[in-house]
Amino acid sequence: MDFEESDENNQNTVSSSDSDGNHKVKKVKIKKPSKYKGKTICRYCPLCVKMMNCILNNKCYMFFMTMVTLYALFMDDIRVLSCPVSADEILWGVTTGAFALFIIELVLSSLAIDGYLLGFYFWLDLIATVSLISDIGWIWNKIFP
């Protein structure tokens, strides 16, 4: 039995002939492989995954998130040491914004990066994000009055 594949006019066909000379043609639908082969939560939408990876790997985004991280690390200490009490509300608002940005980054990374969800860096980022709650007076003062 001989097999021949042809792709004439975008019609994928497979033809075969047996030893008696009978010629059979069968139309076959061939799936083209996707360019993205990662295993993520959003595996059914490779365009979304590609777009999220572009955002997460953008140098401007990385620089911005590095500045937000430095703010989150040091600003509460600077606030306590050198800022008047009247500035607390403003700085708590900015810290709340940083907290929201870290949560968004955590969600984007979980959706777009293969192996991130429930991995080591996921838990590291989650603990770091949750620890930021102690710097937000509106929340922290309600938990520990």
C-alpha atoms as a PDB file:
ATOM      1  CA  MET A   1       0.000   0.000   0.000  1.00  0.00           C
ATOM      2  CA  ASP A   2       1.460   3.371  -1.042  1.00  0.00           C
ATOM      3  CA  PHE A   3       0.575   6.698   0.576  1.00  0.00           C
ATOM      4  CA  GLU A   4       0.908  10.170  -0.918  1.00  0.00           C
ATOM      5  CA  GLU A   5       0.238  13.487   0.797  1.00  0.00           C
ATOM      6  CA  SER A   6      -0.704  16.597  -1.127  1.00  0.00           C
ATOM      7  CA  ASP A   7      -1.565  20.139  -0.149  1.00  0.00           C
ATOM      8  CA  GLU A   8      -2.982  21.531  -3.357  1.00  0.00           C
ATOM      9  CA  ASN A   9      -5.097  24.669  -2.983  1.00  0.00           C
ATOM     10  CA  ASN A  10      -5.001  24.344   0.820  1.00  0.00           C
ATOM     11  CA  GLN A  11      -6.829  21.020   0.673  1.00  0.00           C
ATOM     12  CA  ASN A  12      -4.947  18.525   2.784  1.00  0.00           C
ATOM     13  CA  THR A  13      -5.495  15.059   1.340  1.00  0.00           C
ATOM     14  CA  VAL A  14      -3.979  11.640   1.759  1.00  0.00           C
ATOM     15  CA  SER A  15      -4.294   9.188  -1.105  1.00  0.00           C
ATOM     16  CA  SER A  16      -3.490   5.520  -1.042  1.00  0.00           C
ATOM     17  CA  SER A  17      -3.484   2.708  -3.536  1.00  0.00           C
ATOM     18  CA  ASP A  18      -3.508  -0.972  -2.787  1.00  0.00           C
ATOM     19  CA  SER A  19      -1.909  -3.836  -4.720  1.00  0.00           C
ATOM     20  CA  ASP A  20      -4.969  -4.147  -7.010  1.00  0.00           C
ATOM     21  CA  GLY A  21      -4.549  -0.564  -8.197  1.00  0.00           C
ATOM     22  CA  ASN A  22      -7.597   0.811  -6.386  1.00  0.00           C
ATOM     23  CA  HIS A  23      -6.968   4.490  -5.676  1.00  0.00           C
ATOM     24  CA  LYS A  24      -8.594   6.055  -2.596  1.00  0.00           C
ATOM     25  CA  VAL A  25      -8.442   9.731  -1.639  1.00  0.00           C
ATOM     26  CA  LYS A  26      -9.297  10.835   1.869  1.00  0.00           C
ATOM     27  CA  LYS A  27      -9.539  14.440   3.085  1.00  0.00           C
ATOM     28  CA  VAL A  28      -7.720  14.958   6.355  1.00  0.00           C
ATOM     29  CA  LYS A  29      -7.807  18.016   8.552  1.00  0.00           C
ATOM     30  CA  ILE A  30      -4.279  18.729   9.740  1.00  0.00           C
ATOM     31  CA  LYS A  31      -3.829  20.998  12.736  1.00  0.00           C
ATOM     32  CA  LYS A  32      -0.972  23.429  12.481  1.00  0.00           C
ATOM     33  CA  PRO A  33       1.159  23.482  15.629  1.00  0.00           C
ATOM     34  CA  SER A  34       0.963  26.663  17.672  1.00  0.00           C
ATOM     35  CA  LYS A  35       4.098  28.702  18.131  1.00  0.00           C
ATOM     36  CA  TYR A  36       3.619  28.858  21.918  1.00  0.00           C
ATOM     37  CA  LYS A  37       4.097  25.518  23.663  1.00  0.00           C
ATOM     38  CA  GLY A  38       4.224  26.586  27.328  1.00  0.00           C
ATOM     39  CA  LYS A  39       1.993  25.080  29.971  1.00  0.00           C
ATOM     40  CA  THR A  40       0.265  27.959  31.709  1.00  0.00           C
ATOM     41  CA  ILE A  41      -3.179  28.663  33.086  1.00  0.00           C
ATOM     42  CA  CYS A  42      -3.984  30.694  29.970  1.00  0.00           C
ATOM     43  CA  ARG A  43      -2.737  28.001  27.583  1.00  0.00           C
ATOM     44  CA  TYR A  44      -5.824  28.306  25.404  1.00  0.00           C
ATOM     45  CA  CYS A  45      -5.012  31.878  24.449  1.00  0.00           C
ATOM     46  CA  PRO A  46      -1.389  32.100  23.251  1.00  0.00           C
ATOM     47  CA  LEU A  47      -1.874  35.712  22.154  1.00  0.00           C
ATOM     48  CA  CYS A  48      -2.779  36.716  25.730  1.00  0.00           C
ATOM     49  CA  VAL A  49       0.203  34.822  27.114  1.00  0.00           C
ATOM     50  CA  LYS A  50       2.527  36.450  24.575  1.00  0.00           C
ATOM     51  CA  MET A  51       1.158  39.913  25.413  1.00  0.00           C
ATOM     52  CA  MET A  52       1.526  39.332  29.176  1.00  0.00           C
ATOM     53  CA  ASN A  53       5.098  38.102  28.664  1.00  0.00           C
ATOM     54  CA  CYS A  54       5.857  41.201  26.592  1.00  0.00           C
ATOM     55  CA  ILE A  55       4.595  43.389  29.433  1.00  0.00           C
ATOM     56  CA  LEU A  56       6.478  41.477  32.121  1.00  0.00           C
ATOM     57  CA  ASN A  57       9.738  41.467  30.123  1.00  0.00           C
ATOM     58  CA  ASN A  58       9.576  45.122  29.038  1.00  0.00           C
ATOM     59  CA  LYS A  59      12.598  47.074  30.322  1.00  0.00           C
ATOM     60  CA  CYS A  60      10.522  50.157  31.197  1.00  0.00           C
ATOM     61  CA  TYR A  61       8.095  47.994  33.169  1.00  0.00           C
ATOM     62  CA  MET A  62      10.985  46.283  34.969  1.00  0.00           C
ATOM     63  CA  PHE A  63      12.552  49.647  35.849  1.00  0.00           C
ATOM     64  CA  PHE A  64       9.206  50.979  37.099  1.00  0.00           C
ATOM     65  CA  MET A  65       8.565  47.900  39.250  1.00  0.00           C
ATOM     66  CA  THR A  66      12.120  48.121  40.619  1.00  0.00           C
ATOM     67  CA  MET A  67      11.390  51.699  41.719  1.00  0.00           C
ATOM     68  CA  VAL A  68       8.097  50.562  43.289  1.00  0.00           C
ATOM     69  CA  THR A  69       9.990  47.791  45.106  1.00  0.00           C
ATOM     70  CA  LEU A  70      12.568  50.263  46.447  1.00  0.00           C
ATOM     71  CA  TYR A  71       9.715  52.521  47.577  1.00  0.00           C
ATOM     72  CA  ALA A  72       8.032  49.580  49.333  1.00  0.00           C
ATOM     73  CA  LEU A  73      11.274  48.570  51.046  1.00  0.00           C
ATOM     74  CA  PHE A  74      12.401  51.934  52.380  1.00  0.00           C
ATOM     75  CA  MET A  75       9.602  54.522  52.337  1.00  0.00           C
ATOM     76  CA  ASP A  76       7.846  53.433  55.529  1.00  0.00           C
ATOM     77  CA  ASP A  77      11.102  53.824  57.471  1.00  0.00           C
ATOM     78  CA  ILE A  78      11.718  57.216  55.852  1.00  0.00           C
ATOM     79  CA  ARG A  79       8.110  58.211  56.667  1.00  0.00           C
ATOM     80  CA  VAL A  80       8.531  57.330  60.353  1.00  0.00           C
ATOM     81  CA  LEU A  81      11.945  59.047  60.638  1.00  0.00           C
ATOM     82  CA  SER A  82      11.442  62.258  58.723  1.00  0.00           C
ATOM     83  CA  CYS A  83       7.872  62.947  57.585  1.00  0.00           C
ATOM     84  CA  PRO A  84       5.218  64.792  59.588  1.00  0.00           C
ATOM     85  CA  VAL A  85       2.123  62.901  60.728  1.00  0.00           C
ATOM     86  CA  SER A  86       0.038  64.864  58.205  1.00  0.00           C
ATOM     87  CA  ALA A  87       1.901  63.078  55.357  1.00  0.00           C
ATOM     88  CA  ASP A  88       0.885  59.610  56.582  1.00  0.00           C
ATOM     89  CA  GLU A  89      -2.394  59.535  54.644  1.00  0.00           C
ATOM     90  CA  ILE A  90      -0.700  60.424  51.358  1.00  0.00           C
ATOM     91  CA  LEU A  91       2.088  57.901  51.791  1.00  0.00           C
ATOM     92  CA  TRP A  92      -0.382  55.191  52.830  1.00  0.00           C
ATOM     93  CA  GLY A  93      -2.275  55.892  49.604  1.00  0.00           C
ATOM     94  CA  VAL A  94       0.875  55.506  47.525  1.00  0.00           C
ATOM     95  CA  THR A  95       1.740  52.308  49.416  1.00  0.00           C
ATOM     96  CA  THR A  96      -1.781  50.991  48.697  1.00  0.00           C
ATOM     97  CA  GLY A  97      -1.104  51.666  45.009  1.00  0.00           C
ATOM     98  CA  ALA A  98       2.181  49.757  45.231  1.00  0.00           C
ATOM     99  CA  PHE A  99       0.337  46.873  46.917  1.00  0.00           C
ATOM    100  CA  ALA A 100      -2.174  46.807  44.035  1.00  0.00           C
ATOM    101  CA  LEU A 101       0.641  46.833  41.455  1.00  0.00           C
ATOM    102  CA  PHE A 102       2.324  43.877  43.165  1.00  0.00           C
ATOM    103  CA  ILE A 103      -0.950  41.929  43.162  1.00  0.00           C
ATOM    104  CA  ILE A 104      -1.419  42.650  39.440  1.00  0.00           C
ATOM    105  CA  GLU A 105       2.127  41.511  38.739  1.00  0.00           C
ATOM    106  CA  LEU A 106       1.545  38.337  40.762  1.00  0.00           C
ATOM    107  CA  VAL A 107      -1.597  37.532  38.748  1.00  0.00           C
ATOM    108  CA  LEU A 108       0.065  38.302  35.382  1.00  0.00           C
ATOM    109  CA  SER A 109       3.087  36.174  36.251  1.00  0.00           C
ATOM    110  CA  SER A 110       0.853  33.304  37.374  1.00  0.00           C
ATOM    111  CA  LEU A 111      -1.026  33.391  34.074  1.00  0.00           C
ATOM    112  CA  ALA A 112       1.895  33.926  31.722  1.00  0.00           C
ATOM    113  CA  ILE A 113       5.005  32.274  33.146  1.00  0.00           C
ATOM    114  CA  ASP A 114       5.336  28.523  32.874  1.00  0.00           C
ATOM    115  CA  GLY A 115       5.825  26.923  36.300  1.00  0.00           C
ATOM    116  CA  TYR A 116       5.417  30.165  38.274  1.00  0.00           C
ATOM    117  CA  LEU A 117       2.077  29.401  39.931  1.00  0.00           C
ATOM    118  CA  LEU A 118       2.662  27.683  43.300  1.00  0.00           C
ATOM    119  CA  GLY A 119       6.411  27.622  42.599  1.00  0.00           C
ATOM    120  CA  PHE A 120       9.140  29.049  44.825  1.00  0.00           C
ATOM    121  CA  TYR A 121       9.058  32.577  43.363  1.00  0.00           C
ATOM    122  CA  PHE A 122       5.256  32.664  43.550  1.00  0.00           C
ATOM    123  CA  TRP A 123       5.351  32.073  47.307  1.00  0.00           C
ATOM    124  CA  LEU A 124       8.241  34.519  47.731  1.00  0.00           C
ATOM    125  CA  ASP A 125       6.326  37.255  45.875  1.00  0.00           C
ATOM    126  CA  LEU A 126       3.083  36.470  47.701  1.00  0.00           C
ATOM    127  CA  ILE A 127       4.719  36.699  51.145  1.00  0.00           C
ATOM    128  CA  ALA A 128       6.463  39.941  50.168  1.00  0.00           C
ATOM    129  CA  THR A 129       3.183  41.407  48.891  1.00  0.00           C
ATOM    130  CA  VAL A 130       1.216  40.385  51.985  1.00  0.00           C
ATOM    131  CA  SER A 131       3.928  41.817  54.250  1.00  0.00           C
ATOM    132  CA  LEU A 132       3.283  45.215  52.663  1.00  0.00           C
ATOM    133  CA  ILE A 133      -0.048  45.317  54.535  1.00  0.00           C
ATOM    134  CA  SER A 134       1.844  46.246  57.715  1.00  0.00           C
ATOM    135  CA  ASP A 135       2.972  49.477  56.025  1.00  0.00           C
ATOM    136  CA  ILE A 136      -0.587  50.565  55.165  1.00  0.00           C
ATOM    137  CA  GLY A 137      -1.969  52.309  58.242  1.00  0.00           C
ATOM    138  CA  TRP A 138      -5.603  52.149  57.151  1.00  0.00           C
ATOM    139  CA  ILE A 139      -5.491  48.339  57.151  1.00  0.00           C
ATOM    140  CA  TRP A 140      -2.925  47.740  59.904  1.00  0.00           C
ATOM    141  CA  ASN A 141      -4.652  50.034  62.435  1.00  0.00           C
ATOM    142  CA  LYS A 142      -7.914  48.133  61.914  1.00  0.00           C
ATOM    143  CA  ILE A 143      -6.214  44.769  62.545  1.00  0.00           C
ATOM    144  CA  PHE A 144      -4.187  45.945  65.564  1.00  0.00           C
ATOM    145  CA  PRO A 145      -5.882  49.014  67.135  1.00  0.00           C
END
